Amino acid sequence: MKFLLAESDELEIKGLHWLITANQIPHNEIVEVRTSAEFERAVRANDFDMIILNIDLFNQDEWAKAKHSLRYSKGQIIVHSAHQTFQVAHEALEVGAKHLFIQPITPNEWSAKVRKVVREAGANAKPSQNQDTLQESAIFYGLFGYDFDLTRIQEELLENKDEPSSFVVSVLEIDAVSNQNHGSDRLLHMIKEELQEYSPYIIPNENMIVLIFNLSNFTQHATLTDVEQVFIRLLRLFKERQDISITVGLGNDYHHIHRLRDSYLEAKTSIQRKFYFGVNQVYRFDQPFDLHGIDPILTPDERSQLIHFLEDHDRQGIKEFLFNLFLVEYNQIDQFPHPDYIRIKLTSVMANIRRHMLNNTEMKTLEKQYQLMFNEILNGEELSVIVQKLVYFCYALFNSAGSLNNDMYSKVTQMVVNYIEENYHERRSLSDIALAVNKSKFYISHLFKQETGQTISEYLQKVRTDQAKQLLKDTDKSIQEVGYQVGFDDQSYFSRIFKKWEGQTPNQFKNNIIKKEQ
C-alpha cells in the first residue's frame, strides 16, 4: 500500500512513520508532506491507498481545495486534529474519513484502527503475482498478524502441488552501505536470480526481505541445514563479488501452513543476534539466544568514572571503560540485553559527553561528528563497531582540546608519530616503522597503543583520512587520485576507511562541499 502522511509537525510525522513500520502495517511507500501546497501536488500526482492528514494543516481556503482533490482519490482517509469540535468531526465525515483521531494520539489505538482499515482494504484487493502487490497477498497477512485465509495461502505456496511439504521463513537484512551503493531494487533482483532454482516466495519490505521456502524445492528430504547452507553460499558469493553484506535469520520449518507466522517471528528474533555477533552471517532460531531487559541509565558510579576519563583526557581509561560497559563476555546460556536497552544506555553516555563538550569551547567544533555518532548509535547494526566508533569520537574530543601534546608521549612514540606523518603517503609496514625507530615491532606496537589508546594502523588510517579530507576540500583532484596520493592503492578500501572515520564516503564528503559552495 502507498501511504501519504500530511502533517506540519516534524516529530509527529516521524512518529507516524515509526508506528507504521514498527507495527508492520503493510506498505510499499510512505510519502510525507508538511504544507498544504505539497499535499495538493502529491494528491494530484499519485494514487494513494491510505491518506493520513492533519486537518489543522489547512486554512479555510486550502481545506476547500483539499476536499475537492480528495473527492477524486480512491484512497482510505484518516483525519487527525488537535481540536475536539463538532466542525472538525463534520469535515472528517464530509471527506469520508474512516477514523478521526484527536491529538495526542494513543499509539496502540491508532495502530489497531489503521490495521483494521488496511485489512478491510486488502480484503477487497484481487490477488496478483505482480511484485508490487505482494503485500496484499494472503501470505503477507498471515506472516504479519492480520486476518488471513489458510486456503489461499496454501494455494499461493504450493502452486497446485498436492504433496505434503514443510515451509521455512527467512528474513534478510542488507547493510546500509550495500543498499546505498547498489540500490534496493537491484539487490532484490540479484537475490531472486541467485535463488530462483529454489522458487522462494519473496516479500520485500521497507527494512528487510522475507523469503518463504518450500523444502520440497530443495531435495526430497531437505532440512533446515540445507537452507542454511544455501544462504552461507549466497553470502560468501555476494561478499566476494560485490562487497555486499547480508545478514539472514532463519525460523524453524513447519508442516502446517498456520505456523508460517511462528517461523517468521523466529527468523526476526534470530537476526537480532547480529547486534552482538556481526553482520554477513546466517542465524538460526534453534541457536541459544535469549533477550532480557536492563537498566539503560548510567549508574552514579559509571557516570562518575566517565566524567573522570573525559576530564583527564585519558585515552586508555575511556577505551577500557566503554569496552567493559558494553562489550562484556556473556554467560554460557546466551542471555543478552535487548539491543534497544543497549542503545538507550549508549545515548546516556552521549548525554554526558554533550555536557562535557558544552563546558569546553574548543570541542564545539565537533558538533557534526557528535550528530554522526548519535545517528550511529541509533541505527548502527553491530555493537562492537558502534563502541569502537564511540572510542574514536572520544579521541577526537581529546585531540580538539589539545590533549595530544608531545609531552604526553615517550620519545619512541613521538618518533613513530613523526615517521607516520612524514611517510603516510607511502606503503610502509610495521617492520619498516620499527626499523626506522630502531625498536622491535612488538615493543612499539604495545607502547604506542598504551600511550595513545589506538593502534599504529588506526593512527595511520586517521592521518591518511585527514590528509584526504584536505585534498578533497582544496583541490579538484578526483577521488581516485586523492586516495592514491594519500597511500590507498585500492579505491574500495579507501572509501571504506574514509567512511569509518568520517561517517560518510569520500564521494558524499565531496558532494557536501560542492553544495556548500553553490
Foldseek 3Di string as FASTA:
>chain_A
DEEEEEAQDPVVVVVVVCLCVVLVQDDDYYHYDRALVVVLVDLVVDAGQEYEHEPVRDDPVSLVSVLVSLVPHPHAYEYEYQDDDPVVVVSCVSSPHPYYYHPPGDSVVVSVSVSVVSLVVLVPDDDDPDLVCPCSAQVVCLQSPHDHDQVRVCCVQCVPDDDFWKKKKKKKFWDPVLCVVQNPVRVVVVVCVLCVQQPWDWRDDDGIIMTMGTQVSPDPDDAVVVVQVSLLVVLVVCCVPPVIWMEMFIFHIDRGSSCHNVNSVLSVVQRLCCQEVNTSHYGYSPPQAAEDADQLADDPVLLVQLVVCLVVVPLQSNLVSLCVVQVPDDDPNHYYYRLVSPLSNVVNSLVSVVVVQVVPVLQVVCVVVSVLLNVCSVDPRYNVLSSVLVSVVSLVSCVSNVVVDVVLADPLLVQLVVVLLVCLLEDDDLCNSCVSSVHDSVVNQVRNCNRRVDGSVLVSLVSLLVQLLVCLQPHPDDSCVSCNRRHHPDSVVNQVSNCSNPVHGSVVSSVVSVVVVD
